[in-house]
Amino acid sequence: EERLLRETFPGKIISNPNRTLDRNSVAGMHDALLDLYGLA
């Protein structure tokens, strides 16, 4: 989804880089929290 949106809106997409999506890890939960607070 992110790759598609970057192609559709070039230069307009910001995201948390190199994030871990696995919630079964501390790193993954750190990135989940960053996404949450970033949206807020």
PDB file of all heavy atoms in Angstrom:
ATOM      1  N   GLU A   1       0.838  -1.200   0.000  1.00  0.00           N
ATOM      2  CA  GLU A   1       0.000   0.000   0.000  1.00  0.00           C
ATOM      3  C   GLU A   1       0.877   1.256   0.000  1.00  0.00           C
ATOM      4  O   GLU A   1       0.604   2.219  -0.720  1.00  0.00           O
ATOM      5  CB  GLU A   1      -0.920   0.012   1.221  1.00  0.00           C
ATOM      6  CG  GLU A   1      -1.982  -1.051   1.217  1.00  0.00           C
ATOM      7  CD  GLU A   1      -3.171  -0.679   0.345  1.00  0.00           C
ATOM      8  OE1 GLU A   1      -3.469   0.524   0.199  1.00  0.00           O
ATOM      9  OE2 GLU A   1      -3.815  -1.598  -0.189  1.00  0.00           O
ATOM     10  N   GLU A   2       1.921   1.228   0.812  1.00  0.00           N
ATOM     11  CA  GLU A   2       2.803   2.397   0.865  1.00  0.00           C
ATOM     12  C   GLU A   2       3.483   2.631  -0.482  1.00  0.00           C
ATOM     13  O   GLU A   2       3.575   3.775  -0.945  1.00  0.00           O
ATOM     14  CB  GLU A   2       3.853   2.228   1.970  1.00  0.00           C
ATOM     15  CG  GLU A   2       4.814   3.412   2.034  1.00  0.00           C
ATOM     16  CD  GLU A   2       5.682   3.429   3.271  1.00  0.00           C
ATOM     17  OE1 GLU A   2       5.314   2.777   4.280  1.00  0.00           O
ATOM     18  OE2 GLU A   2       6.722   4.109   3.233  1.00  0.00           O
ATOM     19  N   ARG A   3       3.964   1.567  -1.116  1.00  0.00           N
ATOM     20  CA  ARG A   3       4.612   1.740  -2.415  1.00  0.00           C
ATOM     21  C   ARG A   3       3.650   2.332  -3.440  1.00  0.00           C
ATOM     22  O   ARG A   3       4.016   3.228  -4.221  1.00  0.00           O
ATOM     23  CB  ARG A   3       5.159   0.391  -2.906  1.00  0.00           C
ATOM     24  CG  ARG A   3       6.390  -0.089  -2.144  1.00  0.00           C
ATOM     25  CD  ARG A   3       7.047  -1.268  -2.832  1.00  0.00           C
ATOM     26  NE  ARG A   3       6.193  -2.448  -2.830  1.00  0.00           N
ATOM     27  CZ  ARG A   3       6.191  -3.353  -1.842  1.00  0.00           C
ATOM     28  NH1 ARG A   3       6.984  -3.199  -0.785  1.00  0.00           N
ATOM     29  NH2 ARG A   3       5.402  -4.422  -1.926  1.00  0.00           N
ATOM     30  N   LEU A   4       2.406   1.867  -3.431  1.00  0.00           N
ATOM     31  CA  LEU A   4       1.405   2.373  -4.363  1.00  0.00           C
ATOM     32  C   LEU A   4       1.128   3.851  -4.129  1.00  0.00           C
ATOM     33  O   LEU A   4       1.060   4.651  -5.083  1.00  0.00           O
ATOM     34  CB  LEU A   4       0.107   1.573  -4.224  1.00  0.00           C
ATOM     35  CG  LEU A   4      -1.077   2.075  -5.052  1.00  0.00           C
ATOM     36  CD1 LEU A   4      -0.753   2.038  -6.543  1.00  0.00           C
ATOM     37  CD2 LEU A   4      -2.325   1.254  -4.744  1.00  0.00           C
ATOM     38  N   LEU A   5       0.993   4.253  -2.872  1.00  0.00           N
ATOM     39  CA  LEU A   5       0.701   5.655  -2.572  1.00  0.00           C
ATOM     40  C   LEU A   5       1.897   6.551  -2.897  1.00  0.00           C
ATOM     41  O   LEU A   5       1.714   7.696  -3.336  1.00  0.00           O
ATOM     42  CB  LEU A   5       0.290   5.814  -1.110  1.00  0.00           C
ATOM     43  CG  LEU A   5      -1.069   5.214  -0.736  1.00  0.00           C
ATOM     44  CD1 LEU A   5      -1.431   5.562   0.697  1.00  0.00           C
ATOM     45  CD2 LEU A   5      -2.178   5.670  -1.677  1.00  0.00           C
ATOM     46  N   ARG A   6       3.094   6.045  -2.710  1.00  0.00           N
ATOM     47  CA  ARG A   6       4.272   6.847  -3.087  1.00  0.00           C
ATOM     48  C   ARG A   6       4.322   7.054  -4.598  1.00  0.00           C
ATOM     49  O   ARG A   6       4.728   8.128  -5.067  1.00  0.00           O
ATOM     50  CB  ARG A   6       5.553   6.178  -2.588  1.00  0.00           C
ATOM     51  CG  ARG A   6       5.740   6.267  -1.067  1.00  0.00           C
ATOM     52  CD  ARG A   6       7.116   5.807  -0.634  1.00  0.00           C
ATOM     53  NE  ARG A   6       7.288   5.921   0.808  1.00  0.00           N
ATOM     54  CZ  ARG A   6       7.614   7.033   1.453  1.00  0.00           C
ATOM     55  NH1 ARG A   6       7.804   8.148   0.749  1.00  0.00           N
ATOM     56  NH2 ARG A   6       7.756   7.051   2.760  1.00  0.00           N
ATOM     57  N   GLU A   7       3.906   6.046  -5.349  1.00  0.00           N
ATOM     58  CA  GLU A   7       3.858   6.202  -6.805  1.00  0.00           C
ATOM     59  C   GLU A   7       2.742   7.146  -7.228  1.00  0.00           C
ATOM     60  O   GLU A   7       2.885   7.923  -8.175  1.00  0.00           O
ATOM     61  CB  GLU A   7       3.650   4.827  -7.453  1.00  0.00           C
ATOM     62  CG  GLU A   7       4.834   3.884  -7.297  1.00  0.00           C
ATOM     63  CD  GLU A   7       4.498   2.471  -7.738  1.00  0.00           C
ATOM     64  OE1 GLU A   7       3.348   2.252  -8.196  1.00  0.00           O
ATOM     65  OE2 GLU A   7       5.376   1.586  -7.626  1.00  0.00           O
ATOM     66  N   THR A   8       1.626   7.095  -6.518  1.00  0.00           N
ATOM     67  CA  THR A   8       0.461   7.915  -6.865  1.00  0.00           C
ATOM     68  C   THR A   8       0.659   9.370  -6.451  1.00  0.00           C
ATOM     69  O   THR A   8       0.212  10.293  -7.162  1.00  0.00           O
ATOM     70  CB  THR A   8      -0.799   7.359  -6.185  1.00  0.00           C
ATOM     71  OG1 THR A   8      -0.941   5.968  -6.512  1.00  0.00           O
ATOM     72  CG2 THR A   8      -2.048   8.101  -6.638  1.00  0.00           C
ATOM     73  N   PHE A   9       1.338   9.585  -5.326  1.00  0.00           N
ATOM     74  CA  PHE A   9       1.553  10.938  -4.805  1.00  0.00           C
ATOM     75  C   PHE A   9       3.054  11.164  -4.594  1.00  0.00           C
ATOM     76  O   PHE A   9       3.528  11.222  -3.453  1.00  0.00           O
ATOM     77  CB  PHE A   9       0.791  11.128  -3.480  1.00  0.00           C
ATOM     78  CG  PHE A   9      -0.688  10.885  -3.581  1.00  0.00           C
ATOM     79  CD1 PHE A   9      -1.246   9.680  -3.166  1.00  0.00           C
ATOM     80  CD2 PHE A   9      -1.529  11.861  -4.101  1.00  0.00           C
ATOM     81  CE1 PHE A   9      -2.604   9.462  -3.251  1.00  0.00           C
ATOM     82  CE2 PHE A   9      -2.907  11.648  -4.189  1.00  0.00           C
ATOM     83  CZ  PHE A   9      -3.441  10.446  -3.771  1.00  0.00           C
ATOM     84  N   PRO A  10       3.824  11.278  -5.667  1.00  0.00           N
ATOM     85  CA  PRO A  10       5.283  11.411  -5.524  1.00  0.00           C
ATOM     86  C   PRO A  10       5.666  12.644  -4.718  1.00  0.00           C
ATOM     87  O   PRO A  10       5.150  13.741  -4.939  1.00  0.00           O
ATOM     88  CB  PRO A  10       5.766  11.506  -6.977  1.00  0.00           C
ATOM     89  CG  PRO A  10       4.573  11.878  -7.777  1.00  0.00           C
ATOM     90  CD  PRO A  10       3.387  11.317  -7.084  1.00  0.00           C
ATOM     91  N   GLY A  11       6.554  12.435  -3.768  1.00  0.00           N
ATOM     92  CA  GLY A  11       7.058  13.530  -2.948  1.00  0.00           C
ATOM     93  C   GLY A  11       6.110  13.989  -1.865  1.00  0.00           C
ATOM     94  O   GLY A  11       6.420  14.940  -1.132  1.00  0.00           O
ATOM     95  N   LYS A  12       4.951  13.331  -1.720  1.00  0.00           N
ATOM     96  CA  LYS A  12       3.943  13.787  -0.766  1.00  0.00           C
ATOM     97  C   LYS A  12       3.785  12.864   0.446  1.00  0.00           C
ATOM     98  O   LYS A  12       3.071  13.200   1.384  1.00  0.00           O
ATOM     99  CB  LYS A  12       2.577  13.906  -1.466  1.00  0.00           C
ATOM    100  CG  LYS A  12       2.473  15.039  -2.474  1.00  0.00           C
ATOM    101  CD  LYS A  12       2.495  16.397  -1.780  1.00  0.00           C
ATOM    102  CE  LYS A  12       2.221  17.545  -2.737  1.00  0.00           C
ATOM    103  NZ  LYS A  12       2.194  18.855  -2.038  1.00  0.00           N
ATOM    104  N   ILE A  13       4.433  11.718   0.420  1.00  0.00           N
ATOM    105  CA  ILE A  13       4.226  10.717   1.468  1.00  0.00           C
ATOM    106  C   ILE A  13       5.397  10.712   2.442  1.00  0.00           C
ATOM    107  O   ILE A  13       6.561  10.590   2.050  1.00  0.00           O
ATOM    108  CB  ILE A  13       4.052   9.310   0.870  1.00  0.00           C
ATOM    109  CG1 ILE A  13       2.902   9.279  -0.134  1.00  0.00           C
ATOM    110  CG2 ILE A  13       3.836   8.286   1.980  1.00  0.00           C
ATOM    111  CD1 ILE A  13       1.548   9.602   0.443  1.00  0.00           C
ATOM    112  N   ILE A  14       5.070  10.832   3.711  1.00  0.00           N
ATOM    113  CA  ILE A  14       6.036  10.703   4.805  1.00  0.00           C
ATOM    114  C   ILE A  14       5.630   9.476   5.625  1.00  0.00           C
ATOM    115  O   ILE A  14       4.449   9.240   5.860  1.00  0.00           O
ATOM    116  CB  ILE A  14       6.027  11.954   5.707  1.00  0.00           C
ATOM    117  CG1 ILE A  14       6.372  13.209   4.916  1.00  0.00           C
ATOM    118  CG2 ILE A  14       6.982  11.778   6.890  1.00  0.00           C
ATOM    119  CD1 ILE A  14       6.090  14.493   5.673  1.00  0.00           C
ATOM    120  N   SER A  15       6.609   8.699   6.038  1.00  0.00           N
ATOM    121  CA  SER A  15       6.314   7.562   6.908  1.00  0.00           C
ATOM    122  C   SER A  15       7.490   7.324   7.833  1.00  0.00           C
ATOM    123  O   SER A  15       8.572   7.888   7.651  1.00  0.00           O
ATOM    124  CB  SER A  15       6.016   6.301   6.084  1.00  0.00           C
ATOM    125  OG  SER A  15       7.160   5.902   5.345  1.00  0.00           O
ATOM    126  N   ASN A  16       7.262   6.505   8.831  1.00  0.00           N
ATOM    127  CA  ASN A  16       8.319   6.102   9.749  1.00  0.00           C
ATOM    128  C   ASN A  16       9.233   5.123   9.002  1.00  0.00           C
ATOM    129  O   ASN A  16       8.815   4.009   8.690  1.00  0.00           O
ATOM    130  CB  ASN A  16       7.688   5.445  10.976  1.00  0.00           C
ATOM    131  CG  ASN A  16       8.712   4.872  11.928  1.00  0.00           C
ATOM    132  OD1 ASN A  16       9.882   5.236  11.913  1.00  0.00           O
ATOM    133  ND2 ASN A  16       8.262   3.943  12.766  1.00  0.00           N
ATOM    134  N   PRO A  17      10.464   5.525   8.674  1.00  0.00           N
ATOM    135  CA  PRO A  17      11.316   4.685   7.818  1.00  0.00           C
ATOM    136  C   PRO A  17      11.816   3.437   8.536  1.00  0.00           C
ATOM    137  O   PRO A  17      12.000   3.418   9.749  1.00  0.00           O
ATOM    138  CB  PRO A  17      12.478   5.621   7.462  1.00  0.00           C
ATOM    139  CG  PRO A  17      12.556   6.573   8.613  1.00  0.00           C
ATOM    140  CD  PRO A  17      11.130   6.780   9.072  1.00  0.00           C
ATOM    141  N   ASN A  18      12.019   2.394   7.757  1.00  0.00           N
ATOM    142  CA  ASN A  18      12.631   1.147   8.255  1.00  0.00           C
ATOM    143  C   ASN A  18      11.906   0.579   9.477  1.00  0.00           C
ATOM    144  O   ASN A  18      12.526   0.060  10.397  1.00  0.00           O
ATOM    145  CB  ASN A  18      14.109   1.385   8.606  1.00  0.00           C
ATOM    146  CG  ASN A  18      14.897   1.909   7.419  1.00  0.00           C
ATOM    147  OD1 ASN A  18      14.748   1.432   6.299  1.00  0.00           O
ATOM    148  ND2 ASN A  18      15.723   2.914   7.661  1.00  0.00           N
ATOM    149  N   ARG A  19      10.600   0.697   9.468  1.00  0.00           N
ATOM    150  CA  ARG A  19       9.833   0.264  10.635  1.00  0.00           C
ATOM    151  C   ARG A  19       9.649  -1.256  10.653  1.00  0.00           C
ATOM    152  O   ARG A  19       9.669  -1.916   9.622  1.00  0.00           O
ATOM    153  CB  ARG A  19       8.473   0.956  10.680  1.00  0.00           C
ATOM    154  CG  ARG A  19       7.548   0.688   9.518  1.00  0.00           C
ATOM    155  CD  ARG A  19       6.346   1.632   9.586  1.00  0.00           C
ATOM    156  NE  ARG A  19       5.384   1.412   8.510  1.00  0.00           N
ATOM    157  CZ  ARG A  19       5.512   1.915   7.295  1.00  0.00           C
ATOM    158  NH1 ARG A  19       6.561   2.664   6.986  1.00  0.00           N
ATOM    159  NH2 ARG A  19       4.576   1.685   6.380  1.00  0.00           N
ATOM    160  N   THR A  20       9.455  -1.763  11.852  1.00  0.00           N
ATOM    161  CA  THR A  20       9.195  -3.176  12.071  1.00  0.00           C
ATOM    162  C   THR A  20       7.696  -3.359  12.292  1.00  0.00           C
ATOM    163  O   THR A  20       7.110  -2.702  13.152  1.00  0.00           O
ATOM    164  CB  THR A  20       9.963  -3.672  13.305  1.00  0.00           C
ATOM    165  OG1 THR A  20      11.365  -3.481  13.096  1.00  0.00           O
ATOM    166  CG2 THR A  20       9.689  -5.140  13.572  1.00  0.00           C
ATOM    167  N   LEU A  21       7.082  -4.246  11.533  1.00  0.00           N
ATOM    168  CA  LEU A  21       5.634  -4.439  11.625  1.00  0.00           C
ATOM    169  C   LEU A  21       5.251  -5.551  12.596  1.00  0.00           C
ATOM    170  O   LEU A  21       4.085  -5.683  12.953  1.00  0.00           O
ATOM    171  CB  LEU A  21       5.058  -4.747  10.239  1.00  0.00           C
ATOM    172  CG  LEU A  21       5.222  -3.638   9.194  1.00  0.00           C
ATOM    173  CD1 LEU A  21       4.671  -4.106   7.854  1.00  0.00           C
ATOM    174  CD2 LEU A  21       4.526  -2.356   9.647  1.00  0.00           C
ATOM    175  N   ASP A  22       6.213  -6.335  13.043  1.00  0.00           N
ATOM    176  CA  ASP A  22       5.947  -7.466  13.926  1.00  0.00           C
ATOM    177  C   ASP A  22       5.678  -6.965  15.338  1.00  0.00           C
ATOM    178  O   ASP A  22       6.581  -6.442  15.999  1.00  0.00           O
ATOM    179  CB  ASP A  22       7.142  -8.417  13.917  1.00  0.00           C
ATOM    180  CG  ASP A  22       6.929  -9.627  14.810  1.00  0.00           C
ATOM    181  OD1 ASP A  22       5.780  -9.851  15.245  1.00  0.00           O
ATOM    182  OD2 ASP A  22       7.914 -10.351  15.069  1.00  0.00           O
ATOM    183  N   ARG A  23       4.429  -7.099  15.804  1.00  0.00           N
ATOM    184  CA  ARG A  23       4.076  -6.630  17.150  1.00  0.00           C
ATOM    185  C   ARG A  23       4.561  -7.582  18.233  1.00  0.00           C
ATOM    186  O   ARG A  23       4.450  -7.281  19.411  1.00  0.00           O
ATOM    187  CB  ARG A  23       2.563  -6.435  17.251  1.00  0.00           C
ATOM    188  CG  ARG A  23       1.997  -5.436  16.233  1.00  0.00           C
ATOM    189  CD  ARG A  23       2.624  -4.059  16.401  1.00  0.00           C
ATOM    190  NE  ARG A  23       2.089  -3.094  15.451  1.00  0.00           N
ATOM    191  CZ  ARG A  23       2.791  -2.484  14.506  1.00  0.00           C
ATOM    192  NH1 ARG A  23       4.079  -2.766  14.363  1.00  0.00           N
ATOM    193  NH2 ARG A  23       2.241  -1.587  13.719  1.00  0.00           N
ATOM    194  N   ASN A  24       5.104  -8.730  17.821  1.00  0.00           N
ATOM    195  CA  ASN A  24       5.652  -9.686  18.771  1.00  0.00           C
ATOM    196  C   ASN A  24       7.107  -9.350  19.087  1.00  0.00           C
ATOM    197  O   ASN A  24       7.956 -10.225  19.184  1.00  0.00           O
ATOM    198  CB  ASN A  24       5.542 -11.109  18.207  1.00  0.00           C
ATOM    199  CG  ASN A  24       5.815 -12.179  19.240  1.00  0.00           C
ATOM    200  OD1 ASN A  24       5.779 -11.926  20.442  1.00  0.00           O
ATOM    201  ND2 ASN A  24       6.116 -13.381  18.784  1.00  0.00           N
ATOM    202  N   SER A  25       7.391  -8.055  19.221  1.00  0.00           N
ATOM    203  CA  SER A  25       8.746  -7.591  19.501  1.00  0.00           C
ATOM    204  C   SER A  25       8.683  -6.187  20.071  1.00  0.00           C
ATOM    205  O   SER A  25       7.746  -5.420  19.794  1.00  0.00           O
ATOM    206  CB  SER A  25       9.600  -7.578  18.226  1.00  0.00           C
ATOM    207  OG  SER A  25       9.119  -6.593  17.317  1.00  0.00           O
ATOM    208  N   VAL A  26       9.688  -5.830  20.852  1.00  0.00           N
ATOM    209  CA  VAL A  26       9.753  -4.471  21.398  1.00  0.00           C
ATOM    210  C   VAL A  26       9.930  -3.462  20.269  1.00  0.00           C
ATOM    211  O   VAL A  26       9.287  -2.400  20.255  1.00  0.00           O
ATOM    212  CB  VAL A  26      10.900  -4.349  22.422  1.00  0.00           C
ATOM    213  CG1 VAL A  26      11.061  -2.900  22.886  1.00  0.00           C
ATOM    214  CG2 VAL A  26      10.638  -5.255  23.620  1.00  0.00           C
ATOM    215  N   ALA A  27      10.774  -3.778  19.295  1.00  0.00           N
ATOM    216  CA  ALA A  27      11.000  -2.861  18.172  1.00  0.00           C
ATOM    217  C   ALA A  27       9.700  -2.601  17.409  1.00  0.00           C
ATOM    218  O   ALA A  27       9.405  -1.464  17.018  1.00  0.00           O
ATOM    219  CB  ALA A  27      12.058  -3.430  17.227  1.00  0.00           C
ATOM    220  N   GLY A  28       8.925  -3.656  17.197  1.00  0.00           N
ATOM    221  CA  GLY A  28       7.662  -3.490  16.497  1.00  0.00           C
ATOM    222  C   GLY A  28       6.689  -2.625  17.264  1.00  0.00           C
ATOM    223  O   GLY A  28       5.958  -1.809  16.677  1.00  0.00           O
ATOM    224  N   MET A  29       6.664  -2.757  18.575  1.00  0.00           N
ATOM    225  CA  MET A  29       5.770  -1.927  19.385  1.00  0.00           C
ATOM    226  C   MET A  29       6.252  -0.482  19.449  1.00  0.00           C
ATOM    227  O   MET A  29       5.447   0.451  19.495  1.00  0.00           O
ATOM    228  CB  MET A  29       5.631  -2.515  20.791  1.00  0.00           C
ATOM    229  CG  MET A  29       4.868  -3.826  20.825  1.00  0.00           C
ATOM    230  SD  MET A  29       3.315  -3.792  19.877  1.00  0.00           S
ATOM    231  CE  MET A  29       2.504  -2.341  20.556  1.00  0.00           C
ATOM    232  N   HIS A  30       7.570  -0.278  19.441  1.00  0.00           N
ATOM    233  CA  HIS A  30       8.097   1.087  19.352  1.00  0.00           C
ATOM    234  C   HIS A  30       7.606   1.763  18.079  1.00  0.00           C
ATOM    235  O   HIS A  30       7.166   2.921  18.091  1.00  0.00           O
ATOM    236  CB  HIS A  30       9.623   1.069  19.372  1.00  0.00           C
ATOM    237  CG  HIS A  30      10.205   0.868  20.726  1.00  0.00           C
ATOM    238  ND1 HIS A  30      11.561   0.788  20.955  1.00  0.00           N
ATOM    239  CD2 HIS A  30       9.624   0.725  21.947  1.00  0.00           C
ATOM    240  CE1 HIS A  30      11.783   0.620  22.239  1.00  0.00           C
ATOM    241  NE2 HIS A  30      10.628   0.570  22.865  1.00  0.00           N
ATOM    242  N   ASP A  31       7.651   1.046  16.975  1.00  0.00           N
ATOM    243  CA  ASP A  31       7.227   1.627  15.706  1.00  0.00           C
ATOM    244  C   ASP A  31       5.719   1.839  15.660  1.00  0.00           C
ATOM    245  O   ASP A  31       5.241   2.814  15.063  1.00  0.00           O
ATOM    246  CB  ASP A  31       7.684   0.750  14.541  1.00  0.00           C
ATOM    247  CG  ASP A  31       9.181   0.865  14.283  1.00  0.00           C
ATOM    248  OD1 ASP A  31       9.725   1.976  14.451  1.00  0.00           O
ATOM    249  OD2 ASP A  31       9.815  -0.136  13.923  1.00  0.00           O
ATOM    250  N   ALA A  32       4.953   0.964  16.298  1.00  0.00           N
ATOM    251  CA  ALA A  32       3.510   1.167  16.381  1.00  0.00           C
ATOM    252  C   ALA A  32       3.190   2.449  17.149  1.00  0.00           C
ATOM    253  O   ALA A  32       2.315   3.238  16.748  1.00  0.00           O
ATOM    254  CB  ALA A  32       2.844  -0.030  17.048  1.00  0.00           C
ATOM    255  N   LEU A  33       3.900   2.665  18.237  1.00  0.00           N
ATOM    256  CA  LEU A  33       3.662   3.880  19.019  1.00  0.00           C
ATOM    257  C   LEU A  33       4.047   5.129  18.234  1.00  0.00           C
ATOM    258  O   LEU A  33       3.338   6.143  18.275  1.00  0.00           O
ATOM    259  CB  LEU A  33       4.426   3.806  20.339  1.00  0.00           C
ATOM    260  CG  LEU A  33       4.158   4.966  21.315  1.00  0.00           C
ATOM    261  CD1 LEU A  33       4.074   4.450  22.745  1.00  0.00           C
ATOM    262  CD2 LEU A  33       5.230   6.047  21.226  1.00  0.00           C
ATOM    263  N   LEU A  34       5.156   5.062  17.489  1.00  0.00           N
ATOM    264  CA  LEU A  34       5.548   6.207  16.668  1.00  0.00           C
ATOM    265  C   LEU A  34       4.491   6.514  15.606  1.00  0.00           C
ATOM    266  O   LEU A  34       4.173   7.688  15.355  1.00  0.00           O
ATOM    267  CB  LEU A  34       6.900   5.948  16.013  1.00  0.00           C
ATOM    268  CG  LEU A  34       8.120   6.017  16.930  1.00  0.00           C
ATOM    269  CD1 LEU A  34       9.360   5.581  16.170  1.00  0.00           C
ATOM    270  CD2 LEU A  34       8.317   7.414  17.482  1.00  0.00           C
ATOM    271  N   ASP A  35       3.943   5.486  14.990  1.00  0.00           N
ATOM    272  CA  ASP A  35       2.873   5.706  14.018  1.00  0.00           C
ATOM    273  C   ASP A  35       1.657   6.355  14.682  1.00  0.00           C
ATOM    274  O   ASP A  35       1.047   7.284  14.134  1.00  0.00           O
ATOM    275  CB  ASP A  35       2.463   4.383  13.369  1.00  0.00           C
ATOM    276  CG  ASP A  35       3.353   3.994  12.199  1.00  0.00           C
ATOM    277  OD1 ASP A  35       4.202   4.814  11.785  1.00  0.00           O
ATOM    278  OD2 ASP A  35       3.208   2.869  11.694  1.00  0.00           O
ATOM    279  N   LEU A  36       1.288   5.870  15.839  1.00  0.00           N
ATOM    280  CA  LEU A  36       0.126   6.407  16.543  1.00  0.00           C
ATOM    281  C   LEU A  36       0.315   7.882  16.886  1.00  0.00           C
ATOM    282  O   LEU A  36      -0.557   8.723  16.600  1.00  0.00           O
ATOM    283  CB  LEU A  36      -0.128   5.598  17.816  1.00  0.00           C
ATOM    284  CG  LEU A  36      -1.281   6.073  18.688  1.00  0.00           C
ATOM    285  CD1 LEU A  36      -2.616   5.886  17.980  1.00  0.00           C
ATOM    286  CD2 LEU A  36      -1.274   5.342  20.037  1.00  0.00           C
ATOM    287  N   TYR A  37       1.443   8.200  17.495  1.00  0.00           N
ATOM    288  CA  TYR A  37       1.684   9.588  17.896  1.00  0.00           C
ATOM    289  C   TYR A  37       1.950  10.476  16.692  1.00  0.00           C
ATOM    290  O   TYR A  37       1.647  11.673  16.720  1.00  0.00           O
ATOM    291  CB  TYR A  37       2.838   9.644  18.898  1.00  0.00           C
ATOM    292  CG  TYR A  37       2.393   9.390  20.316  1.00  0.00           C
ATOM    293  CD1 TYR A  37       2.073   8.103  20.740  1.00  0.00           C
ATOM    294  CD2 TYR A  37       2.286  10.423  21.240  1.00  0.00           C
ATOM    295  CE1 TYR A  37       1.656   7.854  22.032  1.00  0.00           C
ATOM    296  CE2 TYR A  37       1.875  10.184  22.543  1.00  0.00           C
ATOM    297  CZ  TYR A  37       1.553   8.901  22.936  1.00  0.00           C
ATOM    298  OH  TYR A  37       1.130   8.659  24.222  1.00  0.00           O
ATOM    299  N   GLY A  38       2.517   9.910  15.628  1.00  0.00           N
ATOM    300  CA  GLY A  38       2.688  10.668  14.400  1.00  0.00           C
ATOM    301  C   GLY A  38       1.349  11.059  13.806  1.00  0.00           C
ATOM    302  O   GLY A  38       1.139  12.214  13.406  1.00  0.00           O
ATOM    303  N   LEU A  39       0.409  10.120  13.739  1.00  0.00           N
ATOM    304  CA  LEU A  39      -0.932  10.441  13.252  1.00  0.00           C
ATOM    305  C   LEU A  39      -1.591  11.509  14.105  1.00  0.00           C
ATOM    306  O   LEU A  39      -2.238  12.437  13.587  1.00  0.00           O
ATOM    307  CB  LEU A  39      -1.804   9.184  13.242  1.00  0.00           C
ATOM    308  CG  LEU A  39      -1.469   8.110  12.206  1.00  0.00           C
ATOM    309  CD1 LEU A  39      -2.302   6.858  12.467  1.00  0.00           C
ATOM    310  CD2 LEU A  39      -1.697   8.612  10.787  1.00  0.00           C
ATOM    311  N   ALA A  40      -1.440  11.400  15.413  1.00  0.00           N
ATOM    312  CA  ALA A  40      -2.064  12.365  16.327  1.00  0.00           C
ATOM    313  C   ALA A  40      -1.489  13.769  16.168  1.00  0.00           C
ATOM    314  O   ALA A  40      -2.138  14.753  16.545  1.00  0.00           O
ATOM    315  CB  ALA A  40      -1.907  11.897  17.771  1.00  0.00           C
TER     316      ALA A  40
END
